[in-house]
Amino acid sequence: MTKTLQEAIERLQQMPEDRQDLLARLVLHEIDEDEKWAKSTAANVDKLRGLIGEVLQADSRGECEPLDPDRL
């Protein structure tokens, strides 16, 4: 266990139980979401590489416009 995680657990132990449960559920949810993202990404690596290649080629041909966040 890392020192940072150990510190977080020690601080959590000092909190009321309802707050501990709330934060524990939040952490568990984030872990689940991270695992889903990792599986999804791993399952689609070839597709992602293909899309990245297409975009890079289009950009090198000058077919891409700069992203303007104000126009999103």
PDB file of N, CA and C in Angstrom:
ATOM      1  N   MET A   1       0.859  -1.177   0.000  1.00  0.00           N
ATOM      2  CA  MET A   1       0.000   0.000   0.000  1.00  0.00           C
ATOM      3  C   MET A   1       0.901   1.234   0.000  1.00  0.00           C
ATOM      4  N   THR A   2       0.530   2.215  -0.796  1.00  0.00           N
ATOM      5  CA  THR A   2       1.321   3.443  -0.855  1.00  0.00           C
ATOM      6  C   THR A   2       1.090   4.298   0.381  1.00  0.00           C
ATOM      7  N   LYS A   3       2.027   5.199   0.613  1.00  0.00           N
ATOM      8  CA  LYS A   3       1.889   6.110   1.752  1.00  0.00           C
ATOM      9  C   LYS A   3       0.660   7.006   1.588  1.00  0.00           C
ATOM     10  N   THR A   4       0.409   7.428   0.372  1.00  0.00           N
ATOM     11  CA  THR A   4      -0.736   8.304   0.119  1.00  0.00           C
ATOM     12  C   THR A   4      -2.049   7.587   0.427  1.00  0.00           C
ATOM     13  N   LEU A   5      -2.156   6.338  -0.013  1.00  0.00           N
ATOM     14  CA  LEU A   5      -3.368   5.571   0.273  1.00  0.00           C
ATOM     15  C   LEU A   5      -3.500   5.318   1.771  1.00  0.00           C
ATOM     16  N   GLN A   6      -2.397   5.016   2.416  1.00  0.00           N
ATOM     17  CA  GLN A   6      -2.425   4.801   3.861  1.00  0.00           C
ATOM     18  C   GLN A   6      -2.903   6.061   4.581  1.00  0.00           C
ATOM     19  N   GLU A   7      -2.405   7.223   4.147  1.00  0.00           N
ATOM     20  CA  GLU A   7      -2.830   8.491   4.757  1.00  0.00           C
ATOM     21  C   GLU A   7      -4.326   8.721   4.547  1.00  0.00           C
ATOM     22  N   ALA A   8      -4.797   8.426   3.331  1.00  0.00           N
ATOM     23  CA  ALA A   8      -6.223   8.607   3.040  1.00  0.00           C
ATOM     24  C   ALA A   8      -7.071   7.712   3.940  1.00  0.00           C
ATOM     25  N   ILE A   9      -6.661   6.475   4.114  1.00  0.00           N
ATOM     26  CA  ILE A   9      -7.421   5.550   4.955  1.00  0.00           C
ATOM     27  C   ILE A   9      -7.411   6.009   6.407  1.00  0.00           C
ATOM     28  N   GLU A  10      -6.266   6.459   6.873  1.00  0.00           N
ATOM     29  CA  GLU A  10      -6.186   6.956   8.254  1.00  0.00           C
ATOM     30  C   GLU A  10      -7.125   8.142   8.467  1.00  0.00           C
ATOM     31  N   ARG A  11      -7.181   9.029   7.499  1.00  0.00           N
ATOM     32  CA  ARG A  11      -8.074  10.187   7.622  1.00  0.00           C
ATOM     33  C   ARG A  11      -9.531   9.761   7.551  1.00  0.00           C
ATOM     34  N   LEU A  12      -9.828   8.799   6.681  1.00  0.00           N
ATOM     35  CA  LEU A  12     -11.197   8.289   6.584  1.00  0.00           C
ATOM     36  C   LEU A  12     -11.647   7.660   7.896  1.00  0.00           C
ATOM     37  N   GLN A  13     -10.748   6.973   8.561  1.00  0.00           N
ATOM     38  CA  GLN A  13     -11.099   6.302   9.811  1.00  0.00           C
ATOM     39  C   GLN A  13     -11.502   7.295  10.895  1.00  0.00           C
ATOM     40  N   GLN A  14     -11.093   8.523  10.758  1.00  0.00           N
ATOM     41  CA  GLN A  14     -11.423   9.553  11.743  1.00  0.00           C
ATOM     42  C   GLN A  14     -12.792  10.185  11.480  1.00  0.00           C
ATOM     43  N   MET A  15     -13.376   9.892  10.346  1.00  0.00           N
ATOM     44  CA  MET A  15     -14.660  10.493   9.973  1.00  0.00           C
ATOM     45  C   MET A  15     -15.819   9.670  10.522  1.00  0.00           C
ATOM     46  N   PRO A  16     -16.993  10.289  10.609  1.00  0.00           N
ATOM     47  CA  PRO A  16     -18.196   9.537  11.001  1.00  0.00           C
ATOM     48  C   PRO A  16     -18.467   8.410   9.996  1.00  0.00           C
ATOM     49  N   GLU A  17     -19.109   7.345  10.458  1.00  0.00           N
ATOM     50  CA  GLU A  17     -19.337   6.173   9.610  1.00  0.00           C
ATOM     51  C   GLU A  17     -20.128   6.488   8.346  1.00  0.00           C
ATOM     52  N   ASP A  18     -21.129   7.362   8.442  1.00  0.00           N
ATOM     53  CA  ASP A  18     -21.916   7.668   7.246  1.00  0.00           C
ATOM     54  C   ASP A  18     -21.053   8.342   6.187  1.00  0.00           C
ATOM     55  N   ARG A  19     -20.135   9.187   6.608  1.00  0.00           N
ATOM     56  CA  ARG A  19     -19.216   9.851   5.668  1.00  0.00           C
ATOM     57  C   ARG A  19     -18.224   8.834   5.095  1.00  0.00           C
ATOM     58  N   GLN A  20     -17.763   7.909   5.937  1.00  0.00           N
ATOM     59  CA  GLN A  20     -16.866   6.856   5.463  1.00  0.00           C
ATOM     60  C   GLN A  20     -17.544   6.034   4.372  1.00  0.00           C
ATOM     61  N   ASP A  21     -18.797   5.652   4.625  1.00  0.00           N
ATOM     62  CA  ASP A  21     -19.536   4.853   3.646  1.00  0.00           C
ATOM     63  C   ASP A  21     -19.728   5.608   2.335  1.00  0.00           C
ATOM     64  N   LEU A  22     -20.066   6.866   2.435  1.00  0.00           N
ATOM     65  CA  LEU A  22     -20.269   7.680   1.243  1.00  0.00           C
ATOM     66  C   LEU A  22     -18.994   7.744   0.407  1.00  0.00           C
ATOM     67  N   LEU A  23     -17.885   8.041   1.049  1.00  0.00           N
ATOM     68  CA  LEU A  23     -16.620   8.148   0.327  1.00  0.00           C
ATOM     69  C   LEU A  23     -16.151   6.791  -0.184  1.00  0.00           C
ATOM     70  N   ALA A  24     -16.406   5.733   0.569  1.00  0.00           N
ATOM     71  CA  ALA A  24     -16.044   4.389   0.114  1.00  0.00           C
ATOM     72  C   ALA A  24     -16.827   4.019  -1.142  1.00  0.00           C
ATOM     73  N   ARG A  25     -18.136   4.335  -1.155  1.00  0.00           N
ATOM     74  CA  ARG A  25     -18.947   4.065  -2.354  1.00  0.00           C
ATOM     75  C   ARG A  25     -18.439   4.858  -3.553  1.00  0.00           C
ATOM     76  N   LEU A  26     -18.029   6.087  -3.311  1.00  0.00           N
ATOM     77  CA  LEU A  26     -17.488   6.916  -4.387  1.00  0.00           C
ATOM     78  C   LEU A  26     -16.205   6.304  -4.954  1.00  0.00           C
ATOM     79  N   VAL A  27     -15.310   5.890  -4.078  1.00  0.00           N
ATOM     80  CA  VAL A  27     -14.051   5.281  -4.522  1.00  0.00           C
ATOM     81  C   VAL A  27     -14.325   3.984  -5.280  1.00  0.00           C
ATOM     82  N   LEU A  28     -15.205   3.145  -4.752  1.00  0.00           N
ATOM     83  CA  LEU A  28     -15.532   1.890  -5.429  1.00  0.00           C
ATOM     84  C   LEU A  28     -16.149   2.135  -6.802  1.00  0.00           C
ATOM     85  N   HIS A  29     -16.999   3.132  -6.904  1.00  0.00           N
ATOM     86  CA  HIS A  29     -17.594   3.487  -8.198  1.00  0.00           C
ATOM     87  C   HIS A  29     -16.503   3.907  -9.182  1.00  0.00           C
ATOM     88  N   GLU A  30     -15.573   4.727  -8.727  1.00  0.00           N
ATOM     89  CA  GLU A  30     -14.487   5.181  -9.595  1.00  0.00           C
ATOM     90  C   GLU A  30     -13.613   4.014 -10.044  1.00  0.00           C
ATOM     91  N   ILE A  31     -13.354   3.074  -9.143  1.00  0.00           N
ATOM     92  CA  ILE A  31     -12.572   1.890  -9.510  1.00  0.00           C
ATOM     93  C   ILE A  31     -13.313   1.086 -10.575  1.00  0.00           C
ATOM     94  N   ASP A  32     -14.616   0.886 -10.386  1.00  0.00           N
ATOM     95  CA  ASP A  32     -15.420   0.164 -11.379  1.00  0.00           C
ATOM     96  C   ASP A  32     -15.384   0.864 -12.734  1.00  0.00           C
ATOM     97  N   GLU A  33     -15.553   2.170 -12.727  1.00  0.00           N
ATOM     98  CA  GLU A  33     -15.537   2.932 -13.983  1.00  0.00           C
ATOM     99  C   GLU A  33     -14.172   2.844 -14.659  1.00  0.00           C
ATOM    100  N   ASP A  34     -13.110   2.902 -13.880  1.00  0.00           N
ATOM    101  CA  ASP A  34     -11.760   2.798 -14.430  1.00  0.00           C
ATOM    102  C   ASP A  34     -11.547   1.432 -15.078  1.00  0.00           C
ATOM    103  N   GLU A  35     -12.029   0.383 -14.426  1.00  0.00           N
ATOM    104  CA  GLU A  35     -11.911  -0.961 -14.990  1.00  0.00           C
ATOM    105  C   GLU A  35     -12.705  -1.091 -16.286  1.00  0.00           C
ATOM    106  N   LYS A  36     -13.909  -0.529 -16.320  1.00  0.00           N
ATOM    107  CA  LYS A  36     -14.720  -0.557 -17.543  1.00  0.00           C
ATOM    108  C   LYS A  36     -14.005   0.165 -18.679  1.00  0.00           C
ATOM    109  N   TRP A  37     -13.438   1.335 -18.371  1.00  0.00           N
ATOM    110  CA  TRP A  37     -12.728   2.117 -19.387  1.00  0.00           C
ATOM    111  C   TRP A  37     -11.530   1.338 -19.905  1.00  0.00           C
ATOM    112  N   ALA A  38     -10.777   0.714 -19.005  1.00  0.00           N
ATOM    113  CA  ALA A  38      -9.600  -0.053 -19.413  1.00  0.00           C
ATOM    114  C   ALA A  38      -9.999  -1.214 -20.323  1.00  0.00           C
ATOM    115  N   LYS A  39     -11.079  -1.924 -19.972  1.00  0.00           N
ATOM    116  CA  LYS A  39     -11.543  -3.034 -20.801  1.00  0.00           C
ATOM    117  C   LYS A  39     -12.023  -2.544 -22.157  1.00  0.00           C
ATOM    118  N   SER A  40     -12.775  -1.465 -22.167  1.00  0.00           N
ATOM    119  CA  SER A  40     -13.295  -0.915 -23.416  1.00  0.00           C
ATOM    120  C   SER A  40     -12.164  -0.462 -24.324  1.00  0.00           C
ATOM    121  N   THR A  41     -11.199   0.206 -23.740  1.00  0.00           N
ATOM    122  CA  THR A  41     -10.065   0.691 -24.518  1.00  0.00           C
ATOM    123  C   THR A  41      -9.262  -0.477 -25.066  1.00  0.00           C
ATOM    124  N   ALA A  42      -9.000  -1.473 -24.227  1.00  0.00           N
ATOM    125  CA  ALA A  42      -8.225  -2.635 -24.656  1.00  0.00           C
ATOM    126  C   ALA A  42      -8.943  -3.385 -25.775  1.00  0.00           C
ATOM    127  N   ALA A  43     -10.257  -3.465 -25.684  1.00  0.00           N
ATOM    128  CA  ALA A  43     -11.031  -4.191 -26.686  1.00  0.00           C
ATOM    129  C   ALA A  43     -11.066  -3.463 -28.021  1.00  0.00           C
ATOM    130  N   ASN A  44     -10.810  -2.177 -28.012  1.00  0.00           N
ATOM    131  CA  ASN A  44     -10.929  -1.383 -29.234  1.00  0.00           C
ATOM    132  C   ASN A  44      -9.624  -0.721 -29.659  1.00  0.00           C
ATOM    133  N   VAL A  45      -8.488  -1.258 -29.203  1.00  0.00           N
ATOM    134  CA  VAL A  45      -7.195  -0.646 -29.510  1.00  0.00           C
ATOM    135  C   VAL A  45      -6.976  -0.534 -31.011  1.00  0.00           C
ATOM    136  N   ASP A  46      -7.253  -1.597 -31.751  1.00  0.00           N
ATOM    137  CA  ASP A  46      -7.024  -1.562 -33.194  1.00  0.00           C
ATOM    138  C   ASP A  46      -7.892  -0.513 -33.877  1.00  0.00           C
ATOM    139  N   LYS A  47      -9.154  -0.407 -33.453  1.00  0.00           N
ATOM    140  CA  LYS A  47     -10.039   0.611 -34.026  1.00  0.00           C
ATOM    141  C   LYS A  47      -9.521   2.012 -33.705  1.00  0.00           C
ATOM    142  N   LEU A  48      -9.102   2.206 -32.456  1.00  0.00           N
ATOM    143  CA  LEU A  48      -8.583   3.520 -32.061  1.00  0.00           C
ATOM    144  C   LEU A  48      -7.332   3.880 -32.847  1.00  0.00           C
ATOM    145  N   ARG A  49      -6.435   2.914 -33.018  1.00  0.00           N
ATOM    146  CA  ARG A  49      -5.221   3.170 -33.804  1.00  0.00           C
ATOM    147  C   ARG A  49      -5.574   3.548 -35.240  1.00  0.00           C
ATOM    148  N   GLY A  50      -6.557   2.846 -35.803  1.00  0.00           N
ATOM    149  CA  GLY A  50      -6.983   3.154 -37.163  1.00  0.00           C
ATOM    150  C   GLY A  50      -7.549   4.561 -37.276  1.00  0.00           C
ATOM    151  N   LEU A  51      -8.383   4.941 -36.323  1.00  0.00           N
ATOM    152  CA  LEU A  51      -8.957   6.287 -36.334  1.00  0.00           C
ATOM    153  C   LEU A  51      -7.879   7.351 -36.159  1.00  0.00           C
ATOM    154  N   ILE A  52      -6.945   7.093 -35.266  1.00  0.00           N
ATOM    155  CA  ILE A  52      -5.852   8.051 -35.056  1.00  0.00           C
ATOM    156  C   ILE A  52      -5.049   8.203 -36.337  1.00  0.00           C
ATOM    157  N   GLY A  53      -4.774   7.086 -36.999  1.00  0.00           N
ATOM    158  CA  GLY A  53      -4.037   7.141 -38.262  1.00  0.00           C
ATOM    159  C   GLY A  53      -4.772   7.948 -39.317  1.00  0.00           C
ATOM    160  N   GLU A  54      -6.087   7.749 -39.406  1.00  0.00           N
ATOM    161  CA  GLU A  54      -6.884   8.504 -40.376  1.00  0.00           C
ATOM    162  C   GLU A  54      -6.838  10.000 -40.090  1.00  0.00           C
ATOM    163  N   VAL A  55      -6.963  10.357 -38.836  1.00  0.00           N
ATOM    164  CA  VAL A  55      -6.944  11.777 -38.465  1.00  0.00           C
ATOM    165  C   VAL A  55      -5.577  12.383 -38.757  1.00  0.00           C
ATOM    166  N   LEU A  56      -4.514  11.669 -38.421  1.00  0.00           N
ATOM    167  CA  LEU A  56      -3.168  12.197 -38.680  1.00  0.00           C
ATOM    168  C   LEU A  56      -2.928  12.386 -40.178  1.00  0.00           C
ATOM    169  N   GLN A  57      -3.403  11.444 -40.980  1.00  0.00           N
ATOM    170  CA  GLN A  57      -3.259  11.577 -42.433  1.00  0.00           C
ATOM    171  C   GLN A  57      -4.066  12.766 -42.950  1.00  0.00           C
ATOM    172  N   ALA A  58      -5.291  12.903 -42.483  1.00  0.00           N
ATOM    173  CA  ALA A  58      -6.122  14.033 -42.903  1.00  0.00           C
ATOM    174  C   ALA A  58      -5.481  15.347 -42.489  1.00  0.00           C
ATOM    175  N   ASP A  59      -4.908  15.383 -41.298  1.00  0.00           N
ATOM    176  CA  ASP A  59      -4.244  16.598 -40.832  1.00  0.00           C
ATOM    177  C   ASP A  59      -3.030  16.914 -41.689  1.00  0.00           C
ATOM    178  N   SER A  60      -2.263  15.901 -42.055  1.00  0.00           N
ATOM    179  CA  SER A  60      -1.071  16.146 -42.877  1.00  0.00           C
ATOM    180  C   SER A  60      -1.451  16.628 -44.278  1.00  0.00           C
ATOM    181  N   ARG A  61      -2.664  16.295 -44.727  1.00  0.00           N
ATOM    182  CA  ARG A  61      -3.147  16.783 -46.025  1.00  0.00           C
ATOM    183  C   ARG A  61      -3.812  18.152 -45.897  1.00  0.00           C
ATOM    184  N   GLY A  62      -3.861  18.679 -44.681  1.00  0.00           N
ATOM    185  CA  GLY A  62      -4.470  19.988 -44.454  1.00  0.00           C
ATOM    186  C   GLY A  62      -5.986  19.961 -44.432  1.00  0.00           C
ATOM    187  N   GLU A  63      -6.565  18.816 -44.177  1.00  0.00           N
ATOM    188  CA  GLU A  63      -8.017  18.678 -44.199  1.00  0.00           C
ATOM    189  C   GLU A  63      -8.681  18.925 -42.842  1.00  0.00           C
ATOM    190  N   CYS A  64      -7.891  19.169 -41.818  1.00  0.00           N
ATOM    191  CA  CYS A  64      -8.447  19.377 -40.474  1.00  0.00           C
ATOM    192  C   CYS A  64      -8.409  20.855 -40.118  1.00  0.00           C
ATOM    193  N   GLU A  65      -9.444  21.281 -39.410  1.00  0.00           N
ATOM    194  CA  GLU A  65      -9.490  22.660 -38.932  1.00  0.00           C
ATOM    195  C   GLU A  65      -9.049  22.699 -37.473  1.00  0.00           C
ATOM    196  N   PRO A  66      -8.417  23.788 -37.063  1.00  0.00           N
ATOM    197  CA  PRO A  66      -8.060  23.907 -35.645  1.00  0.00           C
ATOM    198  C   PRO A  66      -9.330  23.888 -34.788  1.00  0.00           C
ATOM    199  N   LEU A  67      -9.216  23.302 -33.630  1.00  0.00           N
ATOM    200  CA  LEU A  67     -10.345  23.229 -32.712  1.00  0.00           C
ATOM    201  C   LEU A  67     -10.554  24.575 -32.050  1.00  0.00           C
ATOM    202  N   ASP A  68     -11.776  25.071 -32.147  1.00  0.00           N
ATOM    203  CA  ASP A  68     -12.137  26.331 -31.499  1.00  0.00           C
ATOM    204  C   ASP A  68     -13.145  26.019 -30.400  1.00  0.00           C
ATOM    205  N   PRO A  69     -12.697  26.003 -29.140  1.00  0.00           N
ATOM    206  CA  PRO A  69     -13.604  25.651 -28.040  1.00  0.00           C
ATOM    207  C   PRO A  69     -14.845  26.534 -27.964  1.00  0.00           C
ATOM    208  N   ASP A  70     -14.764  27.746 -28.447  1.00  0.00           N
ATOM    209  CA  ASP A  70     -15.919  28.640 -28.408  1.00  0.00           C
ATOM    210  C   ASP A  70     -17.008  28.216 -29.388  1.00  0.00           C
ATOM    211  N   ARG A  71     -16.659  27.384 -30.357  1.00  0.00           N
ATOM    212  CA  ARG A  71     -17.629  26.934 -31.348  1.00  0.00           C
ATOM    213  C   ARG A  71     -18.228  25.580 -31.012  1.00  0.00           C
ATOM    214  N   LEU A  72     -17.845  25.001 -29.895  1.00  0.00           N
ATOM    215  CA  LEU A  72     -18.367  23.674 -29.534  1.00  0.00           C
ATOM    216  C   LEU A  72     -19.792  23.764 -29.051  1.00  0.00           C
TER     217      LEU A  72
END
